[in-house]
Amino acid sequence: MEIAILGTGAVGRALAGAFTRAGHHVVVGTRDPATTREREGFPADLELATYADAAAGADVAVNATNGDGSLPAVAAASPGLAGKVLLDTSNPLDFSHGFPPTLTVKDTDSLAEQLQRAHPDVRVVKALNTCANEVMVDPGRIGDGDTTVFVAGDDADARAVARGLLEELGWRDVVEFDDLSAARGLEMWLPLWLRLMGKFGRAEFNLKIVR
């Protein structure tokens, strides 16, 4: 499968590496590939392109940008996203007043829904926003892999694509919501997640839904 990762931060790099190891061809989208390539520490083996070019050649795209950058990045990629699945891992965190952050959107809306409204021809699925990038790509590193990840989206076929990709990463317990509005709750988990990270002193933890 051809996968475009929108975003060059820690989440984007982790997912690009994981999906490459799973046998997919991955292109990482960025505003300026030349500038990104010159950045100290950026992996030399990751293929870079503009957001638009990365999306145009993809079967599936992953939004791995931060909350502030998500709407502009997806807008830049949108000519190549029509009809495609967009796996949204972002969170609408606002650090403008320091730590802990607030949310730029909550309760009655979500960043995922904003992306869907802005691009109605894209099939947005929310997933992987509730855990750290290390756990996203290697769920077996905690709890023997027996923790929970979530999928939310309006399109059943798009959710199935997302679930398949998560299972390739090693996720076994996938809780699926059949409407994108469930992303509101998934995004609102982040303030507590950040508090827990501060208390534990590390990001390697996750939710487990016991039922």
N, C-alpha and C. Protein backbone atom coordinates (compact mmCIF):
# COMPACT_ATOMS: atom_id res chain seq x y z
N MET A 1 0.84 -1.19 0.00
CA MET A 1 0.00 0.00 0.00
C MET A 1 0.88 1.25 0.00
N GLU A 2 0.42 2.27 -0.68
CA GLU A 2 1.11 3.56 -0.69
C GLU A 2 0.52 4.42 0.43
N ILE A 3 1.36 4.84 1.36
CA ILE A 3 0.90 5.60 2.52
C ILE A 3 1.63 6.94 2.58
N ALA A 4 0.85 8.01 2.71
CA ALA A 4 1.41 9.35 2.92
C ALA A 4 1.29 9.70 4.39
N ILE A 5 2.38 10.09 5.00
CA ILE A 5 2.38 10.58 6.38
C ILE A 5 2.51 12.09 6.33
N LEU A 6 1.50 12.80 6.77
CA LEU A 6 1.55 14.26 6.79
C LEU A 6 2.10 14.71 8.13
N GLY A 7 3.34 15.22 8.13
CA GLY A 7 3.96 15.66 9.36
C GLY A 7 5.28 14.97 9.60
N THR A 8 6.28 15.74 10.04
CA THR A 8 7.64 15.23 10.18
C THR A 8 8.11 15.20 11.63
N GLY A 9 7.19 15.37 12.57
CA GLY A 9 7.55 15.31 13.98
C GLY A 9 7.74 13.89 14.46
N ALA A 10 7.78 13.71 15.78
CA ALA A 10 8.05 12.39 16.35
C ALA A 10 7.00 11.37 15.95
N VAL A 11 5.73 11.77 15.93
CA VAL A 11 4.67 10.84 15.55
C VAL A 11 4.80 10.45 14.09
N GLY A 12 5.00 11.43 13.23
CA GLY A 12 5.13 11.13 11.80
C GLY A 12 6.32 10.23 11.51
N ARG A 13 7.46 10.51 12.15
CA ARG A 13 8.64 9.68 11.91
C ARG A 13 8.43 8.26 12.43
N ALA A 14 7.80 8.13 13.60
CA ALA A 14 7.56 6.80 14.16
C ALA A 14 6.63 5.99 13.27
N LEU A 15 5.54 6.60 12.82
CA LEU A 15 4.59 5.88 11.97
C LEU A 15 5.19 5.57 10.61
N ALA A 16 5.97 6.48 10.06
CA ALA A 16 6.62 6.23 8.77
C ALA A 16 7.53 5.02 8.86
N GLY A 17 8.32 4.94 9.93
CA GLY A 17 9.20 3.80 10.10
C GLY A 17 8.44 2.51 10.28
N ALA A 18 7.38 2.55 11.09
CA ALA A 18 6.61 1.34 11.37
C ALA A 18 5.91 0.81 10.13
N PHE A 19 5.29 1.69 9.37
CA PHE A 19 4.58 1.23 8.17
C PHE A 19 5.56 0.78 7.09
N THR A 20 6.73 1.38 7.04
CA THR A 20 7.76 0.90 6.11
C THR A 20 8.18 -0.51 6.48
N ARG A 21 8.42 -0.74 7.77
CA ARG A 21 8.81 -2.08 8.22
C ARG A 21 7.71 -3.10 7.96
N ALA A 22 6.46 -2.64 7.93
CA ALA A 22 5.34 -3.55 7.65
C ALA A 22 5.19 -3.85 6.16
N GLY A 23 6.03 -3.24 5.33
CA GLY A 23 6.03 -3.55 3.91
C GLY A 23 5.34 -2.54 3.02
N HIS A 24 4.91 -1.41 3.57
CA HIS A 24 4.27 -0.39 2.77
C HIS A 24 5.30 0.59 2.21
N HIS A 25 4.94 1.25 1.13
CA HIS A 25 5.78 2.33 0.61
C HIS A 25 5.27 3.63 1.21
N VAL A 26 6.14 4.32 1.93
CA VAL A 26 5.75 5.49 2.69
C VAL A 26 6.45 6.73 2.16
N VAL A 27 5.69 7.80 1.99
CA VAL A 27 6.24 9.12 1.67
C VAL A 27 5.77 10.08 2.76
N VAL A 28 6.71 10.85 3.29
CA VAL A 28 6.39 11.80 4.35
C VAL A 28 6.17 13.17 3.73
N GLY A 29 5.01 13.77 4.01
CA GLY A 29 4.68 15.08 3.48
C GLY A 29 5.09 16.19 4.42
N THR A 30 5.60 17.28 3.86
CA THR A 30 6.05 18.42 4.63
C THR A 30 5.88 19.68 3.79
N ARG A 31 5.92 20.85 4.43
CA ARG A 31 5.78 22.09 3.67
C ARG A 31 6.95 22.28 2.71
N ASP A 32 8.16 22.04 3.20
CA ASP A 32 9.37 22.31 2.42
C ASP A 32 10.33 21.13 2.57
N PRO A 33 10.30 20.19 1.64
CA PRO A 33 11.15 19.01 1.76
C PRO A 33 12.63 19.32 1.91
N ALA A 34 13.14 20.33 1.20
CA ALA A 34 14.57 20.65 1.27
C ALA A 34 14.95 21.11 2.67
N THR A 35 14.14 21.96 3.25
CA THR A 35 14.42 22.44 4.60
C THR A 35 14.32 21.31 5.62
N THR A 36 13.31 20.46 5.46
CA THR A 36 13.16 19.32 6.37
C THR A 36 14.36 18.39 6.27
N ARG A 37 14.84 18.14 5.07
CA ARG A 37 15.97 17.23 4.87
C ARG A 37 17.22 17.75 5.56
N GLU A 38 17.35 19.05 5.63
CA GLU A 38 18.54 19.63 6.26
C GLU A 38 18.46 19.65 7.78
N ARG A 39 17.28 19.37 8.32
CA ARG A 39 17.11 19.42 9.76
C ARG A 39 17.96 18.36 10.44
N GLU A 40 18.65 18.76 11.48
CA GLU A 40 19.53 17.83 12.19
C GLU A 40 18.71 16.68 12.76
N GLY A 41 19.16 15.47 12.50
CA GLY A 41 18.52 14.30 13.06
C GLY A 41 17.38 13.73 12.25
N PHE A 42 16.99 14.37 11.14
CA PHE A 42 15.89 13.80 10.37
C PHE A 42 16.39 12.55 9.64
N PRO A 43 15.68 11.43 9.75
CA PRO A 43 16.16 10.17 9.17
C PRO A 43 16.41 10.27 7.67
N ALA A 44 17.59 9.88 7.25
CA ALA A 44 17.97 10.00 5.84
C ALA A 44 17.21 9.03 4.96
N ASP A 45 16.69 7.94 5.55
CA ASP A 45 16.03 6.92 4.73
C ASP A 45 14.55 7.19 4.49
N LEU A 46 14.01 8.26 5.06
CA LEU A 46 12.60 8.57 4.83
C LEU A 46 12.44 9.43 3.58
N GLU A 47 11.53 9.02 2.73
CA GLU A 47 11.26 9.75 1.49
C GLU A 47 10.38 10.96 1.78
N LEU A 48 10.78 12.11 1.29
CA LEU A 48 10.06 13.36 1.54
C LEU A 48 9.44 13.92 0.27
N ALA A 49 8.31 14.59 0.43
CA ALA A 49 7.65 15.30 -0.66
C ALA A 49 6.81 16.41 -0.06
N THR A 50 6.30 17.29 -0.89
CA THR A 50 5.35 18.28 -0.39
C THR A 50 4.08 17.55 0.05
N TYR A 51 3.27 18.23 0.86
CA TYR A 51 2.01 17.63 1.29
C TYR A 51 1.20 17.18 0.09
N ALA A 52 1.10 18.04 -0.92
CA ALA A 52 0.27 17.73 -2.09
C ALA A 52 0.80 16.53 -2.85
N ASP A 53 2.12 16.48 -3.06
CA ASP A 53 2.69 15.37 -3.82
C ASP A 53 2.61 14.05 -3.05
N ALA A 54 2.83 14.12 -1.74
CA ALA A 54 2.74 12.90 -0.94
C ALA A 54 1.33 12.33 -1.00
N ALA A 55 0.32 13.19 -0.87
CA ALA A 55 -1.06 12.73 -0.88
C ALA A 55 -1.48 12.21 -2.25
N ALA A 56 -0.99 12.85 -3.30
CA ALA A 56 -1.41 12.47 -4.66
C ALA A 56 -1.04 11.03 -4.97
N GLY A 57 0.08 10.56 -4.47
CA GLY A 57 0.52 9.20 -4.78
C GLY A 57 0.09 8.16 -3.79
N ALA A 58 -0.73 8.54 -2.80
CA ALA A 58 -1.07 7.64 -1.70
C ALA A 58 -2.40 6.94 -1.89
N ASP A 59 -2.50 5.75 -1.31
CA ASP A 59 -3.79 5.08 -1.16
C ASP A 59 -4.46 5.53 0.12
N VAL A 60 -3.65 5.75 1.17
CA VAL A 60 -4.13 6.18 2.48
C VAL A 60 -3.19 7.26 2.98
N ALA A 61 -3.75 8.25 3.67
CA ALA A 61 -2.93 9.31 4.27
C ALA A 61 -3.12 9.28 5.78
N VAL A 62 -2.09 9.70 6.49
CA VAL A 62 -2.12 9.79 7.95
C VAL A 62 -1.80 11.22 8.35
N ASN A 63 -2.70 11.86 9.08
CA ASN A 63 -2.41 13.19 9.60
C ASN A 63 -1.66 13.05 10.91
N ALA A 64 -0.35 13.30 10.88
CA ALA A 64 0.48 13.20 12.07
C ALA A 64 1.03 14.57 12.45
N THR A 65 0.37 15.64 12.02
CA THR A 65 0.79 16.98 12.38
C THR A 65 0.26 17.31 13.78
N ASN A 66 0.78 18.39 14.37
CA ASN A 66 0.22 18.82 15.65
C ASN A 66 -1.11 19.51 15.42
N GLY A 67 -1.82 19.79 16.51
CA GLY A 67 -3.17 20.33 16.37
C GLY A 67 -3.23 21.62 15.59
N ASP A 68 -2.29 22.53 15.87
CA ASP A 68 -2.29 23.81 15.16
C ASP A 68 -2.03 23.65 13.67
N GLY A 69 -1.27 22.64 13.31
CA GLY A 69 -0.89 22.48 11.92
C GLY A 69 -1.80 21.61 11.10
N SER A 70 -2.78 20.98 11.73
CA SER A 70 -3.56 19.97 11.03
C SER A 70 -4.41 20.54 9.89
N LEU A 71 -5.19 21.57 10.17
CA LEU A 71 -6.06 22.12 9.12
C LEU A 71 -5.24 22.65 7.94
N PRO A 72 -4.16 23.43 8.16
CA PRO A 72 -3.37 23.88 7.01
C PRO A 72 -2.70 22.73 6.25
N ALA A 73 -2.20 21.73 6.96
CA ALA A 73 -1.51 20.63 6.29
C ALA A 73 -2.47 19.82 5.43
N VAL A 74 -3.63 19.52 5.98
CA VAL A 74 -4.60 18.74 5.21
C VAL A 74 -5.15 19.55 4.04
N ALA A 75 -5.30 20.86 4.24
CA ALA A 75 -5.73 21.71 3.13
C ALA A 75 -4.70 21.68 2.01
N ALA A 76 -3.41 21.71 2.36
CA ALA A 76 -2.36 21.67 1.34
C ALA A 76 -2.35 20.34 0.61
N ALA A 77 -2.70 19.27 1.32
CA ALA A 77 -2.70 17.93 0.72
C ALA A 77 -4.00 17.60 0.01
N SER A 78 -5.04 18.39 0.23
CA SER A 78 -6.40 18.02 -0.18
C SER A 78 -6.59 17.70 -1.65
N PRO A 79 -5.85 18.33 -2.59
CA PRO A 79 -6.08 17.94 -3.99
C PRO A 79 -5.85 16.46 -4.27
N GLY A 80 -5.00 15.84 -3.46
CA GLY A 80 -4.73 14.42 -3.67
C GLY A 80 -5.44 13.49 -2.71
N LEU A 81 -6.36 14.03 -1.91
CA LEU A 81 -7.01 13.21 -0.88
C LEU A 81 -8.44 12.81 -1.21
N ALA A 82 -9.00 13.31 -2.26
CA ALA A 82 -10.41 13.04 -2.57
C ALA A 82 -10.70 11.55 -2.61
N GLY A 83 -11.69 11.13 -1.85
CA GLY A 83 -12.11 9.75 -1.81
C GLY A 83 -11.24 8.83 -0.98
N LYS A 84 -10.15 9.35 -0.44
CA LYS A 84 -9.20 8.51 0.29
C LYS A 84 -9.45 8.54 1.79
N VAL A 85 -8.91 7.54 2.47
CA VAL A 85 -8.96 7.49 3.92
C VAL A 85 -7.88 8.39 4.50
N LEU A 86 -8.26 9.22 5.47
CA LEU A 86 -7.31 10.04 6.21
C LEU A 86 -7.37 9.59 7.66
N LEU A 87 -6.33 8.94 8.11
CA LEU A 87 -6.23 8.50 9.50
C LEU A 87 -5.69 9.67 10.31
N ASP A 88 -6.52 10.21 11.19
CA ASP A 88 -6.17 11.42 11.94
C ASP A 88 -5.69 11.05 13.33
N THR A 89 -4.40 11.31 13.62
CA THR A 89 -3.82 11.01 14.92
C THR A 89 -3.62 12.26 15.78
N SER A 90 -4.06 13.41 15.29
CA SER A 90 -3.71 14.69 15.91
C SER A 90 -4.58 14.98 17.14
N ASN A 91 -4.11 15.96 17.94
CA ASN A 91 -4.86 16.43 19.10
C ASN A 91 -4.84 17.95 19.15
N PRO A 92 -5.98 18.58 19.47
CA PRO A 92 -6.08 20.04 19.43
C PRO A 92 -5.55 20.69 20.71
N LEU A 93 -4.27 20.52 20.99
CA LEU A 93 -3.68 21.02 22.23
C LEU A 93 -3.24 22.47 22.06
N ASP A 94 -3.52 23.26 23.09
CA ASP A 94 -3.16 24.68 23.10
C ASP A 94 -2.19 24.92 24.26
N PHE A 95 -0.91 25.12 23.92
CA PHE A 95 0.13 25.36 24.92
C PHE A 95 0.43 26.85 25.08
N SER A 96 -0.43 27.72 24.56
CA SER A 96 -0.12 29.15 24.55
C SER A 96 -0.03 29.74 25.95
N HIS A 97 -0.64 29.10 26.92
CA HIS A 97 -0.57 29.58 28.31
C HIS A 97 0.24 28.63 29.18
N GLY A 98 1.10 27.85 28.55
CA GLY A 98 1.96 26.96 29.30
C GLY A 98 1.37 25.59 29.53
N PHE A 99 1.94 24.90 30.51
CA PHE A 99 1.54 23.52 30.81
C PHE A 99 0.75 23.52 32.13
N PRO A 100 -0.32 22.73 32.22
CA PRO A 100 -0.85 21.82 31.20
C PRO A 100 -1.63 22.58 30.14
N PRO A 101 -1.68 22.05 28.94
CA PRO A 101 -2.40 22.74 27.86
C PRO A 101 -3.90 22.61 28.02
N THR A 102 -4.61 23.48 27.32
CA THR A 102 -6.05 23.34 27.16
C THR A 102 -6.31 22.78 25.77
N LEU A 103 -7.58 22.63 25.43
CA LEU A 103 -7.96 22.17 24.10
C LEU A 103 -8.55 23.33 23.31
N THR A 104 -8.21 23.40 22.05
CA THR A 104 -8.76 24.46 21.20
C THR A 104 -10.20 24.16 20.79
N VAL A 105 -10.60 22.92 20.90
CA VAL A 105 -11.96 22.51 20.56
C VAL A 105 -12.31 21.34 21.47
N LYS A 106 -13.57 21.27 21.93
CA LYS A 106 -13.96 20.19 22.84
C LYS A 106 -15.47 20.15 23.00
N ASP A 107 -15.95 19.12 23.67
CA ASP A 107 -17.35 18.97 24.07
C ASP A 107 -18.32 18.83 22.91
N THR A 108 -18.46 19.86 22.11
CA THR A 108 -19.46 19.83 21.04
C THR A 108 -18.85 19.74 19.65
N ASP A 109 -17.53 19.55 19.59
CA ASP A 109 -16.85 19.45 18.30
C ASP A 109 -15.50 18.77 18.54
N SER A 110 -14.82 18.46 17.47
CA SER A 110 -13.49 17.87 17.57
C SER A 110 -12.67 18.32 16.37
N LEU A 111 -11.37 18.20 16.49
CA LEU A 111 -10.51 18.54 15.37
C LEU A 111 -10.78 17.60 14.20
N ALA A 112 -11.02 16.33 14.49
CA ALA A 112 -11.32 15.38 13.41
C ALA A 112 -12.56 15.80 12.63
N GLU A 113 -13.59 16.26 13.35
CA GLU A 113 -14.81 16.70 12.67
C GLU A 113 -14.58 17.98 11.88
N GLN A 114 -13.72 18.85 12.38
CA GLN A 114 -13.38 20.05 11.62
C GLN A 114 -12.70 19.67 10.31
N LEU A 115 -11.80 18.71 10.37
CA LEU A 115 -11.15 18.24 9.15
C LEU A 115 -12.16 17.65 8.18
N GLN A 116 -13.11 16.86 8.71
CA GLN A 116 -14.12 16.25 7.85
C GLN A 116 -15.02 17.29 7.20
N ARG A 117 -15.43 18.31 7.97
CA ARG A 117 -16.28 19.35 7.40
C ARG A 117 -15.53 20.16 6.34
N ALA A 118 -14.25 20.40 6.58
CA ALA A 118 -13.48 21.18 5.62
C ALA A 118 -13.23 20.40 4.33
N HIS A 119 -13.26 19.06 4.43
CA HIS A 119 -12.95 18.21 3.28
C HIS A 119 -13.95 17.05 3.22
N PRO A 120 -15.19 17.34 2.81
CA PRO A 120 -16.23 16.32 2.84
C PRO A 120 -15.98 15.14 1.90
N ASP A 121 -15.07 15.30 0.93
CA ASP A 121 -14.78 14.20 0.02
C ASP A 121 -13.66 13.30 0.53
N VAL A 122 -13.16 13.57 1.74
CA VAL A 122 -12.13 12.75 2.37
C VAL A 122 -12.80 11.91 3.46
N ARG A 123 -12.36 10.67 3.64
CA ARG A 123 -12.97 9.78 4.64
C ARG A 123 -12.09 9.78 5.89
N VAL A 124 -12.45 10.65 6.84
CA VAL A 124 -11.63 10.85 8.04
C VAL A 124 -11.94 9.78 9.08
N VAL A 125 -10.89 9.21 9.64
CA VAL A 125 -11.00 8.24 10.73
C VAL A 125 -10.06 8.67 11.84
N LYS A 126 -10.59 8.77 13.05
CA LYS A 126 -9.76 9.12 14.20
C LYS A 126 -9.19 7.86 14.83
N ALA A 127 -7.89 7.87 15.09
CA ALA A 127 -7.25 6.72 15.74
C ALA A 127 -5.86 7.11 16.22
N LEU A 128 -5.35 6.39 17.18
CA LEU A 128 -3.96 6.48 17.66
C LEU A 128 -3.63 7.80 18.36
N ASN A 129 -4.62 8.63 18.64
CA ASN A 129 -4.33 9.90 19.31
C ASN A 129 -4.28 9.77 20.82
N THR A 130 -4.58 8.59 21.35
CA THR A 130 -4.72 8.42 22.80
C THR A 130 -3.49 7.81 23.46
N CYS A 131 -2.40 7.67 22.72
CA CYS A 131 -1.19 7.09 23.31
C CYS A 131 0.04 7.71 22.67
N ALA A 132 1.18 7.51 23.31
CA ALA A 132 2.44 8.05 22.82
C ALA A 132 2.88 7.34 21.56
N ASN A 133 3.73 8.01 20.77
CA ASN A 133 4.14 7.42 19.50
C ASN A 133 4.88 6.11 19.68
N GLU A 134 5.62 5.96 20.79
CA GLU A 134 6.32 4.69 21.02
C GLU A 134 5.34 3.53 21.16
N VAL A 135 4.20 3.82 21.79
CA VAL A 135 3.18 2.79 21.99
C VAL A 135 2.36 2.59 20.72
N MET A 136 2.11 3.68 19.99
CA MET A 136 1.38 3.57 18.72
C MET A 136 1.95 2.47 17.84
N VAL A 137 3.27 2.49 17.70
CA VAL A 137 3.93 1.63 16.72
C VAL A 137 4.42 0.32 17.31
N ASP A 138 4.34 0.18 18.63
CA ASP A 138 4.79 -1.05 19.29
C ASP A 138 3.97 -1.29 20.54
N PRO A 139 2.69 -1.65 20.38
CA PRO A 139 1.83 -1.81 21.56
C PRO A 139 2.30 -2.90 22.50
N GLY A 140 3.11 -3.83 22.01
CA GLY A 140 3.60 -4.91 22.85
C GLY A 140 4.59 -4.47 23.90
N ARG A 141 5.06 -3.24 23.85
CA ARG A 141 6.06 -2.79 24.81
C ARG A 141 5.48 -2.54 26.19
N ILE A 142 4.14 -2.47 26.31
CA ILE A 142 3.51 -2.32 27.63
C ILE A 142 2.36 -3.32 27.75
N GLY A 143 2.19 -3.84 28.97
CA GLY A 143 1.06 -4.72 29.24
C GLY A 143 1.00 -5.93 28.35
N ASP A 144 2.14 -6.38 27.86
CA ASP A 144 2.18 -7.52 26.94
C ASP A 144 1.27 -7.29 25.73
N GLY A 145 1.11 -6.01 25.36
CA GLY A 145 0.28 -5.68 24.20
C GLY A 145 -1.21 -5.71 24.45
N ASP A 146 -1.60 -5.94 25.71
CA ASP A 146 -3.03 -6.07 26.02
C ASP A 146 -3.59 -4.75 26.53
N THR A 147 -3.54 -3.72 25.67
CA THR A 147 -4.19 -2.45 25.97
C THR A 147 -5.08 -2.08 24.79
N THR A 148 -5.74 -0.95 24.88
CA THR A 148 -6.83 -0.64 23.96
C THR A 148 -6.50 0.56 23.08
N VAL A 149 -6.88 0.45 21.81
CA VAL A 149 -6.81 1.57 20.89
C VAL A 149 -8.21 1.76 20.29
N PHE A 150 -8.48 2.96 19.81
CA PHE A 150 -9.83 3.32 19.36
C PHE A 150 -9.83 3.74 17.90
N VAL A 151 -10.95 3.49 17.25
CA VAL A 151 -11.17 3.92 15.87
C VAL A 151 -12.54 4.57 15.82
N ALA A 152 -12.63 5.77 15.24
CA ALA A 152 -13.92 6.45 15.11
C ALA A 152 -14.03 7.05 13.73
N GLY A 153 -15.15 6.79 13.06
CA GLY A 153 -15.35 7.35 11.73
C GLY A 153 -16.74 7.06 11.22
N ASP A 154 -17.21 7.88 10.28
CA ASP A 154 -18.56 7.72 9.74
C ASP A 154 -18.64 6.64 8.66
N ASP A 155 -17.52 6.33 8.03
CA ASP A 155 -17.49 5.42 6.88
C ASP A 155 -16.98 4.05 7.32
N ALA A 156 -17.80 3.02 7.16
CA ALA A 156 -17.44 1.69 7.63
C ALA A 156 -16.23 1.13 6.89
N ASP A 157 -16.16 1.35 5.59
CA ASP A 157 -15.01 0.84 4.84
C ASP A 157 -13.72 1.54 5.26
N ALA A 158 -13.82 2.84 5.54
CA ALA A 158 -12.64 3.57 5.99
C ALA A 158 -12.19 3.07 7.36
N ARG A 159 -13.14 2.79 8.24
CA ARG A 159 -12.78 2.24 9.55
C ARG A 159 -12.10 0.89 9.40
N ALA A 160 -12.56 0.09 8.46
CA ALA A 160 -11.95 -1.22 8.24
C ALA A 160 -10.51 -1.08 7.76
N VAL A 161 -10.24 -0.11 6.91
CA VAL A 161 -8.87 0.15 6.46
C VAL A 161 -8.00 0.55 7.65
N ALA A 162 -8.53 1.45 8.48
CA ALA A 162 -7.78 1.90 9.65
C ALA A 162 -7.52 0.74 10.61
N ARG A 163 -8.53 -0.07 10.85
CA ARG A 163 -8.37 -1.22 11.75
C ARG A 163 -7.30 -2.17 11.22
N GLY A 164 -7.30 -2.40 9.92
CA GLY A 164 -6.29 -3.28 9.34
C GLY A 164 -4.88 -2.76 9.56
N LEU A 165 -4.70 -1.45 9.39
CA LEU A 165 -3.37 -0.86 9.61
C LEU A 165 -2.97 -0.96 11.07
N LEU A 166 -3.92 -0.76 11.99
CA LEU A 166 -3.61 -0.88 13.41
C LEU A 166 -3.22 -2.31 13.76
N GLU A 167 -3.92 -3.26 13.19
CA GLU A 167 -3.59 -4.66 13.46
C GLU A 167 -2.20 -5.01 12.94
N GLU A 168 -1.80 -4.41 11.82
CA GLU A 168 -0.45 -4.62 11.33
C GLU A 168 0.60 -4.09 12.30
N LEU A 169 0.25 -3.04 13.03
CA LEU A 169 1.18 -2.50 14.02
C LEU A 169 1.22 -3.33 15.30
N GLY A 170 0.28 -4.28 15.41
CA GLY A 170 0.28 -5.17 16.57
C GLY A 170 -0.86 -4.96 17.55
N TRP A 171 -1.80 -4.07 17.22
CA TRP A 171 -2.92 -3.82 18.12
C TRP A 171 -3.92 -4.97 18.06
N ARG A 172 -4.31 -5.48 19.23
CA ARG A 172 -5.24 -6.60 19.30
C ARG A 172 -6.62 -6.17 19.78
N ASP A 173 -6.67 -5.20 20.70
CA ASP A 173 -7.95 -4.75 21.25
C ASP A 173 -8.30 -3.40 20.63
N VAL A 174 -9.14 -3.43 19.60
CA VAL A 174 -9.54 -2.22 18.87
C VAL A 174 -11.02 -1.98 19.14
N VAL A 175 -11.32 -0.87 19.80
CA VAL A 175 -12.71 -0.48 20.06
C VAL A 175 -13.13 0.49 18.97
N GLU A 176 -14.20 0.13 18.27
CA GLU A 176 -14.60 0.88 17.08
C GLU A 176 -15.90 1.64 17.33
N PHE A 177 -15.89 2.94 17.00
CA PHE A 177 -17.10 3.78 17.06
C PHE A 177 -17.54 4.09 15.64
N ASP A 178 -18.85 3.97 15.39
CA ASP A 178 -19.34 4.11 14.02
C ASP A 178 -19.75 5.53 13.67
N ASP A 179 -19.26 6.52 14.42
CA ASP A 179 -19.47 7.91 14.02
C ASP A 179 -18.27 8.74 14.47
N LEU A 180 -17.94 9.72 13.66
CA LEU A 180 -16.74 10.51 13.91
C LEU A 180 -16.88 11.40 15.14
N SER A 181 -18.11 11.68 15.56
CA SER A 181 -18.29 12.53 16.74
C SER A 181 -17.68 11.91 17.99
N ALA A 182 -17.43 10.60 17.99
CA ALA A 182 -16.75 9.97 19.13
C ALA A 182 -15.33 10.51 19.30
N ALA A 183 -14.80 11.15 18.27
CA ALA A 183 -13.47 11.76 18.38
C ALA A 183 -13.43 12.84 19.45
N ARG A 184 -14.57 13.41 19.79
CA ARG A 184 -14.59 14.44 20.84
C ARG A 184 -14.06 13.87 22.15
N GLY A 185 -14.57 12.72 22.54
CA GLY A 185 -14.11 12.09 23.77
C GLY A 185 -12.66 11.62 23.67
N LEU A 186 -12.27 11.10 22.52
CA LEU A 186 -10.90 10.64 22.36
C LEU A 186 -9.91 11.79 22.49
N GLU A 187 -10.26 12.94 21.93
CA GLU A 187 -9.38 14.11 22.04
C GLU A 187 -9.38 14.68 23.45
N MET A 188 -10.51 14.60 24.14
CA MET A 188 -10.59 15.15 25.50
C MET A 188 -9.83 14.30 26.52
N TRP A 189 -9.40 13.10 26.15
CA TRP A 189 -8.57 12.27 27.02
C TRP A 189 -7.18 12.89 27.20
N LEU A 190 -6.74 13.71 26.27
CA LEU A 190 -5.35 14.16 26.27
C LEU A 190 -4.96 15.00 27.49
N PRO A 191 -5.78 15.91 28.00
CA PRO A 191 -5.36 16.62 29.21
C PRO A 191 -5.04 15.68 30.37
N LEU A 192 -5.84 14.64 30.56
CA LEU A 192 -5.55 13.67 31.62
C LEU A 192 -4.31 12.85 31.26
N TRP A 193 -4.18 12.48 30.00
CA TRP A 193 -2.99 11.73 29.57
C TRP A 193 -1.72 12.52 29.92
N LEU A 194 -1.72 13.82 29.66
CA LEU A 194 -0.54 14.63 29.95
C LEU A 194 -0.28 14.72 31.45
N ARG A 195 -1.33 14.81 32.24
CA ARG A 195 -1.16 14.81 33.69
C ARG A 195 -0.54 13.49 34.16
N LEU A 196 -1.01 12.39 33.60
CA LEU A 196 -0.46 11.09 33.96
C LEU A 196 1.00 10.96 33.55
N MET A 197 1.32 11.48 32.38
CA MET A 197 2.71 11.44 31.94
C MET A 197 3.60 12.19 32.93
N GLY A 198 3.11 13.35 33.40
CA GLY A 198 3.87 14.09 34.38
C GLY A 198 4.03 13.34 35.69
N LYS A 199 2.99 12.65 36.11
CA LYS A 199 3.04 11.90 37.36
C LYS A 199 3.97 10.69 37.26
N PHE A 200 3.87 9.97 36.13
CA PHE A 200 4.68 8.76 35.96
C PHE A 200 6.11 9.07 35.53
N GLY A 201 6.30 10.24 34.93
CA GLY A 201 7.63 10.59 34.43
C GLY A 201 7.99 9.90 33.14
N ARG A 202 7.02 9.36 32.45
CA ARG A 202 7.26 8.70 31.17
C ARG A 202 5.95 8.59 30.40
N ALA A 203 6.06 8.29 29.13
CA ALA A 203 4.88 8.24 28.26
C ALA A 203 4.45 6.83 27.92
N GLU A 204 5.14 5.84 28.42
CA GLU A 204 4.83 4.46 28.05
C GLU A 204 3.77 3.87 28.98
N PHE A 205 2.53 4.28 28.74
CA PHE A 205 1.37 3.74 29.43
C PHE A 205 0.19 3.87 28.48
N ASN A 206 -0.90 3.20 28.79
CA ASN A 206 -2.07 3.27 27.92
C ASN A 206 -3.31 2.81 28.66
N LEU A 207 -4.46 3.11 28.09
CA LEU A 207 -5.74 2.64 28.61
C LEU A 207 -5.97 1.17 28.30
N LYS A 208 -6.68 0.48 29.17
CA LYS A 208 -7.20 -0.84 28.88
C LYS A 208 -8.68 -0.86 29.27
N ILE A 209 -9.53 -1.12 28.30
CA ILE A 209 -10.97 -1.22 28.57
C ILE A 209 -11.28 -2.65 28.97
N VAL A 210 -11.71 -2.84 30.21
CA VAL A 210 -12.04 -4.16 30.71
C VAL A 210 -13.54 -4.32 30.64
N ARG A 211 -13.99 -5.35 29.94
CA ARG A 211 -15.43 -5.57 29.80
C ARG A 211 -15.73 -7.06 29.70
